[in-house]
């Protein structure tokens, strides 16, 4: 029997095997998975699928540059274009804007 259990470490799922010996239990004939934890089998399967998809998505991320800033479109005739880019004109030269 297997069941999944979340741990405090991200993206790790542990499985547990349970073996039991029942003396004088002749009426017990069904063998069903034993689920330990707040989720049932369907919830566990959904979590596993989501973790697998997240791992696939994460494999495409460059570890040296994990996140790029959001794109922004700046028009050439925009009066605030330099300010948006973090620049200003000082003495006829473009300089970093310090606020």
PDB file of N, CA and C in Angstrom:
ATOM      1  N   UNK A   1       0.847  -1.180   0.000  1.00  0.00           N
ATOM      2  CA  UNK A   1       0.000   0.000   0.000  1.00  0.00           C
ATOM      3  C   UNK A   1       0.886   1.235   0.000  1.00  0.00           C
ATOM      4  N   UNK A   2       0.492   2.209  -0.788  1.00  0.00           N
ATOM      5  CA  UNK A   2       1.303   3.420  -0.847  1.00  0.00           C
ATOM      6  C   UNK A   2       0.431   4.636  -0.578  1.00  0.00           C
ATOM      7  N   UNK A   3       1.019   5.634  -0.009  1.00  0.00           N
ATOM      8  CA  UNK A   3       0.334   6.888   0.250  1.00  0.00           C
ATOM      9  C   UNK A   3       1.345   8.005   0.143  1.00  0.00           C
ATOM     10  N   UNK A   4       0.901   9.176  -0.256  1.00  0.00           N
ATOM     11  CA  UNK A   4       1.856  10.284  -0.327  1.00  0.00           C
ATOM     12  C   UNK A   4       1.695  11.172   0.891  1.00  0.00           C
ATOM     13  N   UNK A   5       2.773  11.784   1.274  1.00  0.00           N
ATOM     14  CA  UNK A   5       2.777  12.663   2.438  1.00  0.00           C
ATOM     15  C   UNK A   5       3.704  13.821   2.116  1.00  0.00           C
ATOM     16  N   UNK A   6       3.214  15.059   2.285  1.00  0.00           N
ATOM     17  CA  UNK A   6       4.051  16.233   2.022  1.00  0.00           C
ATOM     18  C   UNK A   6       5.033  16.430   3.163  1.00  0.00           C
ATOM     19  N   UNK A   7       6.201  16.887   2.849  1.00  0.00           N
ATOM     20  CA  UNK A   7       7.187  17.220   3.861  1.00  0.00           C
ATOM     21  C   UNK A   7       7.448  18.710   3.803  1.00  0.00           C
ATOM     22  N   UNK A   8       8.266  19.210   4.708  1.00  0.00           N
ATOM     23  CA  UNK A   8       8.551  20.638   4.744  1.00  0.00           C
ATOM     24  C   UNK A   8       9.483  21.076   3.635  1.00  0.00           C
ATOM     25  N   UNK A   9      10.112  20.136   2.936  1.00  0.00           N
ATOM     26  CA  UNK A   9      11.000  20.484   1.837  1.00  0.00           C
ATOM     27  C   UNK A   9      10.188  20.628   0.560  1.00  0.00           C
ATOM     28  N   UNK A  10      10.422  21.666  -0.262  1.00  0.00           N
ATOM     29  CA  UNK A  10       9.623  21.851  -1.470  1.00  0.00           C
ATOM     30  C   UNK A  10       9.883  20.758  -2.496  1.00  0.00           C
ATOM     31  N   UNK A  11       8.840  20.398  -3.210  1.00  0.00           N
ATOM     32  CA  UNK A  11       8.875  19.442  -4.314  1.00  0.00           C
ATOM     33  C   UNK A  11       9.399  18.069  -3.917  1.00  0.00           C
ATOM     34  N   UNK A  12       9.105  17.639  -2.690  1.00  0.00           N
ATOM     35  CA  UNK A  12       9.502  16.295  -2.288  1.00  0.00           C
ATOM     36  C   UNK A  12       8.277  15.579  -1.741  1.00  0.00           C
ATOM     37  N   UNK A  13       8.057  14.394  -2.226  1.00  0.00           N
ATOM     38  CA  UNK A  13       6.951  13.582  -1.741  1.00  0.00           C
ATOM     39  C   UNK A  13       7.524  12.244  -1.306  1.00  0.00           C
ATOM     40  N   UNK A  14       7.117  11.796  -0.152  1.00  0.00           N
ATOM     41  CA  UNK A  14       7.590  10.524   0.365  1.00  0.00           C
ATOM     42  C   UNK A  14       6.471   9.498   0.257  1.00  0.00           C
ATOM     43  N   UNK A  15       6.852   8.270   0.080  1.00  0.00           N
ATOM     44  CA  UNK A  15       5.886   7.183   0.037  1.00  0.00           C
ATOM     45  C   UNK A  15       6.126   6.282   1.240  1.00  0.00           C
ATOM     46  N   UNK A  16       5.070   5.725   1.740  1.00  0.00           N
ATOM     47  CA  UNK A  16       5.176   4.866   2.907  1.00  0.00           C
ATOM     48  C   UNK A  16       4.511   3.523   2.580  1.00  0.00           C
ATOM     49  N   UNK A  17       5.170   2.451   2.930  1.00  0.00           N
ATOM     50  CA  UNK A  17       4.613   1.106   2.778  1.00  0.00           C
ATOM     51  C   UNK A  17       4.121   0.649   4.141  1.00  0.00           C
ATOM     52  N   UNK A  18       2.910   0.146   4.182  1.00  0.00           N
ATOM     53  CA  UNK A  18       2.335  -0.336   5.434  1.00  0.00           C
ATOM     54  C   UNK A  18       2.033  -1.820   5.268  1.00  0.00           C
ATOM     55  N   UNK A  19       2.538  -2.636   6.190  1.00  0.00           N
ATOM     56  CA  UNK A  19       2.239  -4.070   6.208  1.00  0.00           C
ATOM     57  C   UNK A  19       1.613  -4.381   7.563  1.00  0.00           C
ATOM     58  N   UNK A  20       0.519  -5.111   7.520  1.00  0.00           N
ATOM     59  CA  UNK A  20      -0.173  -5.445   8.766  1.00  0.00           C
ATOM     60  C   UNK A  20      -0.538  -6.921   8.760  1.00  0.00           C
ATOM     61  N   UNK A  21      -0.476  -7.523   9.938  1.00  0.00           N
ATOM     62  CA  UNK A  21      -0.886  -8.921  10.087  1.00  0.00           C
ATOM     63  C   UNK A  21      -2.089  -8.928  11.015  1.00  0.00           C
ATOM     64  N   UNK A  22      -3.191  -9.455  10.516  1.00  0.00           N
ATOM     65  CA  UNK A  22      -4.423  -9.478  11.297  1.00  0.00           C
ATOM     66  C   UNK A  22      -4.738 -10.928  11.669  1.00  0.00           C
ATOM     67  N   UNK A  23      -4.684 -11.236  12.944  1.00  0.00           N
ATOM     68  CA  UNK A  23      -5.021 -12.582  13.417  1.00  0.00           C
ATOM     69  C   UNK A  23      -6.536 -12.710  13.544  1.00  0.00           C
ATOM     70  N   UNK A  24      -7.071 -13.824  13.125  1.00  0.00           N
ATOM     71  CA  UNK A  24      -8.510 -14.121  13.221  1.00  0.00           C
ATOM     72  C   UNK A  24      -9.360 -13.085  12.496  1.00  0.00           C
ATOM     73  N   UNK A  25      -8.892 -12.590  11.389  1.00  0.00           N
ATOM     74  CA  UNK A  25      -9.654 -11.602  10.618  1.00  0.00           C
ATOM     75  C   UNK A  25     -10.059 -12.226   9.287  1.00  0.00           C
ATOM     76  N   UNK A  26     -10.898 -13.241   9.357  1.00  0.00           N
ATOM     77  CA  UNK A  26     -11.284 -13.971   8.146  1.00  0.00           C
ATOM     78  C   UNK A  26     -12.216 -13.162   7.253  1.00  0.00           C
ATOM     79  N   UNK A  27     -12.920 -12.183   7.804  1.00  0.00           N
ATOM     80  CA  UNK A  27     -13.885 -11.411   7.021  1.00  0.00           C
ATOM     81  C   UNK A  27     -13.221 -10.320   6.180  1.00  0.00           C
ATOM     82  N   UNK A  28     -11.980 -10.017   6.430  1.00  0.00           N
ATOM     83  CA  UNK A  28     -11.287  -8.968   5.683  1.00  0.00           C
ATOM     84  C   UNK A  28     -10.758  -9.575   4.393  1.00  0.00           C
ATOM     85  N   UNK A  29     -11.377  -9.198   3.273  1.00  0.00           N
ATOM     86  CA  UNK A  29     -10.953  -9.740   1.987  1.00  0.00           C
ATOM     87  C   UNK A  29     -10.536  -8.651   1.003  1.00  0.00           C
ATOM     88  N   UNK A  30     -10.983  -7.435   1.200  1.00  0.00           N
ATOM     89  CA  UNK A  30     -10.675  -6.354   0.249  1.00  0.00           C
ATOM     90  C   UNK A  30      -9.279  -5.803   0.518  1.00  0.00           C
ATOM     91  N   UNK A  31      -8.552  -5.545  -0.558  1.00  0.00           N
ATOM     92  CA  UNK A  31      -7.239  -4.906  -0.438  1.00  0.00           C
ATOM     93  C   UNK A  31      -7.365  -3.539  -1.094  1.00  0.00           C
ATOM     94  N   UNK A  32      -7.258  -2.499  -0.315  1.00  0.00           N
ATOM     95  CA  UNK A  32      -7.390  -1.129  -0.836  1.00  0.00           C
ATOM     96  C   UNK A  32      -6.182  -0.324  -0.394  1.00  0.00           C
ATOM     97  N   UNK A  33      -5.810   0.689  -1.171  1.00  0.00           N
ATOM     98  CA  UNK A  33      -4.687   1.543  -0.765  1.00  0.00           C
ATOM     99  C   UNK A  33      -4.986   2.267   0.546  1.00  0.00           C
ATOM    100  N   UNK A  34      -4.006   2.363   1.372  1.00  0.00           N
ATOM    101  CA  UNK A  34      -4.108   3.061   2.643  1.00  0.00           C
ATOM    102  C   UNK A  34      -3.581   4.472   2.443  1.00  0.00           C
ATOM    103  N   UNK A  35      -4.411   5.460   2.710  1.00  0.00           N
ATOM    104  CA  UNK A  35      -4.016   6.852   2.519  1.00  0.00           C
ATOM    105  C   UNK A  35      -3.815   7.486   3.884  1.00  0.00           C
ATOM    106  N   UNK A  36      -2.625   8.017   4.104  1.00  0.00           N
ATOM    107  CA  UNK A  36      -2.311   8.684   5.363  1.00  0.00           C
ATOM    108  C   UNK A  36      -2.102  10.154   5.053  1.00  0.00           C
ATOM    109  N   UNK A  37      -2.877  11.007   5.661  1.00  0.00           N
ATOM    110  CA  UNK A  37      -2.728  12.438   5.431  1.00  0.00           C
ATOM    111  C   UNK A  37      -4.066  13.062   5.069  1.00  0.00           C
ATOM    112  N   UNK A  38      -4.055  14.368   4.856  1.00  0.00           N
ATOM    113  CA  UNK A  38      -5.314  15.075   4.611  1.00  0.00           C
ATOM    114  C   UNK A  38      -5.884  14.847   3.212  1.00  0.00           C
ATOM    115  N   UNK A  39      -5.088  14.294   2.278  1.00  0.00           N
ATOM    116  CA  UNK A  39      -5.569  14.131   0.910  1.00  0.00           C
ATOM    117  C   UNK A  39      -5.928  12.681   0.633  1.00  0.00           C
ATOM    118  N   UNK A  40      -6.920  12.498  -0.230  1.00  0.00           N
ATOM    119  CA  UNK A  40      -7.232  11.152  -0.687  1.00  0.00           C
ATOM    120  C   UNK A  40      -6.379  10.839  -1.911  1.00  0.00           C
ATOM    121  N   UNK A  41      -6.620   9.692  -2.530  1.00  0.00           N
ATOM    122  CA  UNK A  41      -5.802   9.296  -3.680  1.00  0.00           C
ATOM    123  C   UNK A  41      -5.905  10.296  -4.819  1.00  0.00           C
ATOM    124  N   UNK A  42      -7.117  10.795  -5.096  1.00  0.00           N
ATOM    125  CA  UNK A  42      -7.303  11.739  -6.193  1.00  0.00           C
ATOM    126  C   UNK A  42      -6.557  13.040  -5.905  1.00  0.00           C
ATOM    127  N   UNK A  43      -6.656  13.536  -4.688  1.00  0.00           N
ATOM    128  CA  UNK A  43      -5.928  14.754  -4.326  1.00  0.00           C
ATOM    129  C   UNK A  43      -4.431  14.571  -4.435  1.00  0.00           C
ATOM    130  N   UNK A  44      -3.943  13.405  -4.018  1.00  0.00           N
ATOM    131  CA  UNK A  44      -2.518  13.105  -4.109  1.00  0.00           C
ATOM    132  C   UNK A  44      -2.076  13.056  -5.567  1.00  0.00           C
ATOM    133  N   UNK A  45      -2.885  12.425  -6.423  1.00  0.00           N
ATOM    134  CA  UNK A  45      -2.559  12.336  -7.850  1.00  0.00           C
ATOM    135  C   UNK A  45      -2.514  13.723  -8.478  1.00  0.00           C
ATOM    136  N   UNK A  46      -3.480  14.581  -8.126  1.00  0.00           N
ATOM    137  CA  UNK A  46      -3.501  15.943  -8.663  1.00  0.00           C
ATOM    138  C   UNK A  46      -2.257  16.714  -8.235  1.00  0.00           C
ATOM    139  N   UNK A  47      -1.859  16.552  -6.973  1.00  0.00           N
ATOM    140  CA  UNK A  47      -0.644  17.218  -6.497  1.00  0.00           C
ATOM    141  C   UNK A  47       0.588  16.710  -7.238  1.00  0.00           C
ATOM    142  N   UNK A  48       0.670  15.404  -7.436  1.00  0.00           N
ATOM    143  CA  UNK A  48       1.807  14.825  -8.155  1.00  0.00           C
ATOM    144  C   UNK A  48       1.876  15.358  -9.578  1.00  0.00           C
ATOM    145  N   UNK A  49       0.717  15.441 -10.254  1.00  0.00           N
ATOM    146  CA  UNK A  49       0.683  15.970 -11.620  1.00  0.00           C
ATOM    147  C   UNK A  49       1.131  17.426 -11.647  1.00  0.00           C
ATOM    148  N   UNK A  50       0.668  18.217 -10.673  1.00  0.00           N
ATOM    149  CA  UNK A  50       1.057  19.627 -10.613  1.00  0.00           C
ATOM    150  C   UNK A  50       2.553  19.772 -10.347  1.00  0.00           C
ATOM    151  N   UNK A  51       3.104  18.928  -9.489  1.00  0.00           N
ATOM    152  CA  UNK A  51       4.538  18.982  -9.190  1.00  0.00           C
ATOM    153  C   UNK A  51       5.353  18.587 -10.413  1.00  0.00           C
ATOM    154  N   UNK A  52       4.904  17.565 -11.129  1.00  0.00           N
ATOM    155  CA  UNK A  52       5.605  17.162 -12.351  1.00  0.00           C
ATOM    156  C   UNK A  52       5.604  18.284 -13.376  1.00  0.00           C
ATOM    157  N   UNK A  53       4.448  18.954 -13.549  1.00  0.00           N
ATOM    158  CA  UNK A  53       4.365  20.054 -14.513  1.00  0.00           C
ATOM    159  C   UNK A  53       5.254  21.212 -14.080  1.00  0.00           C
ATOM    160  N   UNK A  54       5.278  21.528 -12.786  1.00  0.00           N
ATOM    161  CA  UNK A  54       6.137  22.606 -12.289  1.00  0.00           C
ATOM    162  C   UNK A  54       7.605  22.278 -12.517  1.00  0.00           C
ATOM    163  N   UNK A  55       7.985  21.022 -12.336  1.00  0.00           N
ATOM    164  CA  UNK A  55       9.373  20.621 -12.573  1.00  0.00           C
ATOM    165  C   UNK A  55       9.726  20.750 -14.050  1.00  0.00           C
ATOM    166  N   UNK A  56       8.796  20.381 -14.940  1.00  0.00           N
ATOM    167  CA  UNK A  56       9.037  20.541 -16.380  1.00  0.00           C
ATOM    168  C   UNK A  56       9.191  22.015 -16.738  1.00  0.00           C
ATOM    169  N   UNK A  57       8.303  22.865 -16.179  1.00  0.00           N
ATOM    170  CA  UNK A  57       8.389  24.300 -16.455  1.00  0.00           C
ATOM    171  C   UNK A  57       9.689  24.885 -15.920  1.00  0.00           C
ATOM    172  N   UNK A  58      10.113  24.439 -14.741  1.00  0.00           N
ATOM    173  CA  UNK A  58      11.331  24.971 -14.125  1.00  0.00           C
ATOM    174  C   UNK A  58      12.579  24.545 -14.882  1.00  0.00           C
ATOM    175  N   UNK A  59      12.502  23.455 -15.630  1.00  0.00           N
ATOM    176  CA  UNK A  59      13.688  23.008 -16.365  1.00  0.00           C
ATOM    177  C   UNK A  59      14.056  23.963 -17.490  1.00  0.00           C
ATOM    178  N   UNK A  60      13.126  24.838 -17.883  1.00  0.00           N
ATOM    179  CA  UNK A  60      13.393  25.802 -18.950  1.00  0.00           C
ATOM    180  C   UNK A  60      13.948  27.123 -18.422  1.00  0.00           C
ATOM    181  N   UNK A  61      14.047  27.277 -17.115  1.00  0.00           N
ATOM    182  CA  UNK A  61      14.523  28.524 -16.514  1.00  0.00           C
ATOM    183  C   UNK A  61      16.040  28.489 -16.419  1.00  0.00           C
ATOM    184  N   UNK A  62      16.666  29.570 -16.848  1.00  0.00           N
ATOM    185  CA  UNK A  62      18.123  29.690 -16.767  1.00  0.00           C
ATOM    186  C   UNK A  62      18.498  29.986 -15.315  1.00  0.00           C
ATOM    187  N   UNK A  63      19.262  29.127 -14.646  1.00  0.00           N
ATOM    188  CA  UNK A  63      19.589  29.370 -13.235  1.00  0.00           C
ATOM    189  C   UNK A  63      20.452  30.612 -13.034  1.00  0.00           C
ATOM    190  N   UNK A  64      21.166  31.056 -14.059  1.00  0.00           N
ATOM    191  CA  UNK A  64      21.993  32.257 -13.932  1.00  0.00           C
ATOM    192  C   UNK A  64      21.178  33.531 -14.076  1.00  0.00           C
ATOM    193  N   UNK A  65      20.015  33.452 -14.680  1.00  0.00           N
ATOM    194  CA  UNK A  65      19.155  34.617 -14.868  1.00  0.00           C
ATOM    195  C   UNK A  65      17.709  34.151 -14.733  1.00  0.00           C
ATOM    196  N   UNK A  66      17.262  33.843 -13.511  1.00  0.00           N
ATOM    197  CA  UNK A  66      15.962  33.216 -13.340  1.00  0.00           C
ATOM    198  C   UNK A  66      14.773  34.099 -13.696  1.00  0.00           C
ATOM    199  N   UNK A  67      14.919  35.406 -13.583  1.00  0.00           N
ATOM    200  CA  UNK A  67      13.763  36.249 -13.857  1.00  0.00           C
ATOM    201  C   UNK A  67      14.203  37.531 -14.550  1.00  0.00           C
ATOM    202  N   UNK A  68      13.582  37.823 -15.637  1.00  0.00           N
ATOM    203  CA  UNK A  68      13.832  39.075 -16.333  1.00  0.00           C
ATOM    204  C   UNK A  68      12.726  40.048 -15.973  1.00  0.00           C
ATOM    205  N   UNK A  69      12.999  41.347 -16.005  1.00  0.00           N
ATOM    206  CA  UNK A  69      11.924  42.306 -15.724  1.00  0.00           C
ATOM    207  C   UNK A  69      10.863  42.254 -16.821  1.00  0.00           C
ATOM    208  N   UNK A  70       9.679  42.686 -16.475  1.00  0.00           N
ATOM    209  CA  UNK A  70       8.593  42.706 -17.447  1.00  0.00           C
ATOM    210  C   UNK A  70       8.934  43.664 -18.588  1.00  0.00           C
ATOM    211  N   UNK A  71       8.482  43.327 -19.772  1.00  0.00           N
ATOM    212  CA  UNK A  71       8.745  44.184 -20.928  1.00  0.00           C
ATOM    213  C   UNK A  71       7.945  45.464 -20.818  1.00  0.00           C
ATOM    214  N   UNK A  72       8.515  46.541 -21.298  1.00  0.00           N
ATOM    215  CA  UNK A  72       7.779  47.801 -21.382  1.00  0.00           C
ATOM    216  C   UNK A  72       8.111  48.441 -22.721  1.00  0.00           C
ATOM    217  N   UNK A  73       7.093  48.974 -23.368  1.00  0.00           N
ATOM    218  CA  UNK A  73       7.262  49.621 -24.668  1.00  0.00           C
ATOM    219  C   UNK A  73       7.324  51.119 -24.434  1.00  0.00           C
ATOM    220  N   UNK A  74       8.396  51.721 -24.918  1.00  0.00           N
ATOM    221  CA  UNK A  74       8.587  53.163 -24.758  1.00  0.00           C
ATOM    222  C   UNK A  74       8.661  53.773 -26.149  1.00  0.00           C
ATOM    223  N   UNK A  75       7.788  54.702 -26.414  1.00  0.00           N
ATOM    224  CA  UNK A  75       7.752  55.346 -27.726  1.00  0.00           C
ATOM    225  C   UNK A  75       8.815  56.432 -27.818  1.00  0.00           C
ATOM    226  N   UNK A  76       9.350  56.625 -29.008  1.00  0.00           N
ATOM    227  CA  UNK A  76      10.419  57.606 -29.217  1.00  0.00           C
ATOM    228  C   UNK A  76       9.944  59.025 -28.951  1.00  0.00           C
ATOM    229  N   UNK A  77       8.681  59.318 -29.232  1.00  0.00           N
ATOM    230  CA  UNK A  77       8.181  60.689 -29.040  1.00  0.00           C
ATOM    231  C   UNK A  77       7.545  60.895 -27.664  1.00  0.00           C
ATOM    232  N   UNK A  78       7.721  59.952 -26.763  1.00  0.00           N
ATOM    233  CA  UNK A  78       7.186  60.074 -25.405  1.00  0.00           C
ATOM    234  C   UNK A  78       8.040  61.062 -24.622  1.00  0.00           C
ATOM    235  N   UNK A  79       7.395  62.059 -23.994  1.00  0.00           N
ATOM    236  CA  UNK A  79       8.134  63.080 -23.240  1.00  0.00           C
ATOM    237  C   UNK A  79       8.806  62.484 -22.006  1.00  0.00           C
ATOM    238  N   UNK A  80       8.260  61.430 -21.477  1.00  0.00           N
ATOM    239  CA  UNK A  80       8.804  60.804 -20.270  1.00  0.00           C
ATOM    240  C   UNK A  80       9.664  59.582 -20.589  1.00  0.00           C
ATOM    241  N   UNK A  81      10.079  59.422 -21.847  1.00  0.00           N
ATOM    242  CA  UNK A  81      10.822  58.225 -22.254  1.00  0.00           C
ATOM    243  C   UNK A  81      12.121  58.070 -21.469  1.00  0.00           C
ATOM    244  N   UNK A  82      12.901  59.138 -21.371  1.00  0.00           N
ATOM    245  CA  UNK A  82      14.170  59.045 -20.645  1.00  0.00           C
ATOM    246  C   UNK A  82      13.938  58.724 -19.171  1.00  0.00           C
ATOM    247  N   UNK A  83      12.935  59.370 -18.588  1.00  0.00           N
ATOM    248  CA  UNK A  83      12.625  59.121 -17.177  1.00  0.00           C
ATOM    249  C   UNK A  83      12.202  57.666 -16.976  1.00  0.00           C
ATOM    250  N   UNK A  84      11.411  57.137 -17.904  1.00  0.00           N
ATOM    251  CA  UNK A  84      10.982  55.741 -17.826  1.00  0.00           C
ATOM    252  C   UNK A  84      12.172  54.796 -17.897  1.00  0.00           C
ATOM    253  N   UNK A  85      13.178  55.166 -18.683  1.00  0.00           N
ATOM    254  CA  UNK A  85      14.384  54.353 -18.809  1.00  0.00           C
ATOM    255  C   UNK A  85      15.372  54.576 -17.667  1.00  0.00           C
ATOM    256  N   UNK A  86      15.050  55.516 -16.767  1.00  0.00           N
ATOM    257  CA  UNK A  86      15.946  55.794 -15.649  1.00  0.00           C
ATOM    258  C   UNK A  86      17.085  56.717 -16.027  1.00  0.00           C
ATOM    259  N   UNK A  87      16.853  57.571 -17.035  1.00  0.00           N
ATOM    260  CA  UNK A  87      17.879  58.513 -17.491  1.00  0.00           C
ATOM    261  C   UNK A  87      17.351  59.928 -17.428  1.00  0.00           C
ATOM    262  N   UNK A  88      18.274  60.878 -17.490  1.00  0.00           N
ATOM    263  CA  UNK A  88      17.929  62.287 -17.614  1.00  0.00           C
ATOM    264  C   UNK A  88      19.045  62.977 -18.396  1.00  0.00           C
ATOM    265  N   UNK A  89      18.785  64.187 -18.853  1.00  0.00           N
ATOM    266  CA  UNK A  89      19.798  64.927 -19.608  1.00  0.00           C
ATOM    267  C   UNK A  89      20.416  65.966 -18.679  1.00  0.00           C
ATOM    268  N   UNK A  90      21.724  65.881 -18.515  1.00  0.00           N
ATOM    269  CA  UNK A  90      22.472  66.825 -17.687  1.00  0.00           C
ATOM    270  C   UNK A  90      23.614  67.357 -18.541  1.00  0.00           C
ATOM    271  N   UNK A  91      23.608  68.675 -18.781  1.00  0.00           N
ATOM    272  CA  UNK A  91      24.672  69.283 -19.584  1.00  0.00           C
ATOM    273  C   UNK A  91      24.723  68.722 -20.995  1.00  0.00           C
ATOM    274  N   UNK A  92      23.561  68.363 -21.545  1.00  0.00           N
ATOM    275  CA  UNK A  92      23.511  67.841 -22.903  1.00  0.00           C
ATOM    276  C   UNK A  92      23.870  66.366 -23.011  1.00  0.00           C
ATOM    277  N   UNK A  93      24.115  65.712 -21.883  1.00  0.00           N
ATOM    278  CA  UNK A  93      24.450  64.285 -21.914  1.00  0.00           C
ATOM    279  C   UNK A  93      23.418  63.483 -21.117  1.00  0.00           C
ATOM    280  N   UNK A  94      23.192  62.266 -21.561  1.00  0.00           N
ATOM    281  CA  UNK A  94      22.268  61.379 -20.847  1.00  0.00           C
ATOM    282  C   UNK A  94      23.000  60.778 -19.653  1.00  0.00           C
ATOM    283  N   UNK A  95      22.406  60.950 -18.495  1.00  0.00           N
ATOM    284  CA  UNK A  95      22.986  60.444 -17.250  1.00  0.00           C
ATOM    285  C   UNK A  95      21.935  59.607 -16.507  1.00  0.00           C
ATOM    286  N   UNK A  96      22.384  58.682 -15.660  1.00  0.00           N
ATOM    287  CA  UNK A  96      21.419  57.930 -14.843  1.00  0.00           C
ATOM    288  C   UNK A  96      20.640  58.868 -13.930  1.00  0.00           C
ATOM    289  N   UNK A  97      19.356  58.628 -13.835  1.00  0.00           N
ATOM    290  CA  UNK A  97      18.483  59.448 -13.005  1.00  0.00           C
ATOM    291  C   UNK A  97      18.638  59.025 -11.549  1.00  0.00           C
ATOM    292  N   UNK A  98      18.965  59.980 -10.690  1.00  0.00           N
ATOM    293  CA  UNK A  98      19.085  59.730  -9.253  1.00  0.00           C
ATOM    294  C   UNK A  98      17.996  60.536  -8.579  1.00  0.00           C
ATOM    295  N   UNK A  99      17.091  59.833  -7.929  1.00  0.00           N
ATOM    296  CA  UNK A  99      15.975  60.537  -7.282  1.00  0.00           C
ATOM    297  C   UNK A  99      16.244  60.754  -5.830  1.00  0.00           C
TER     298      UNK A  99
END
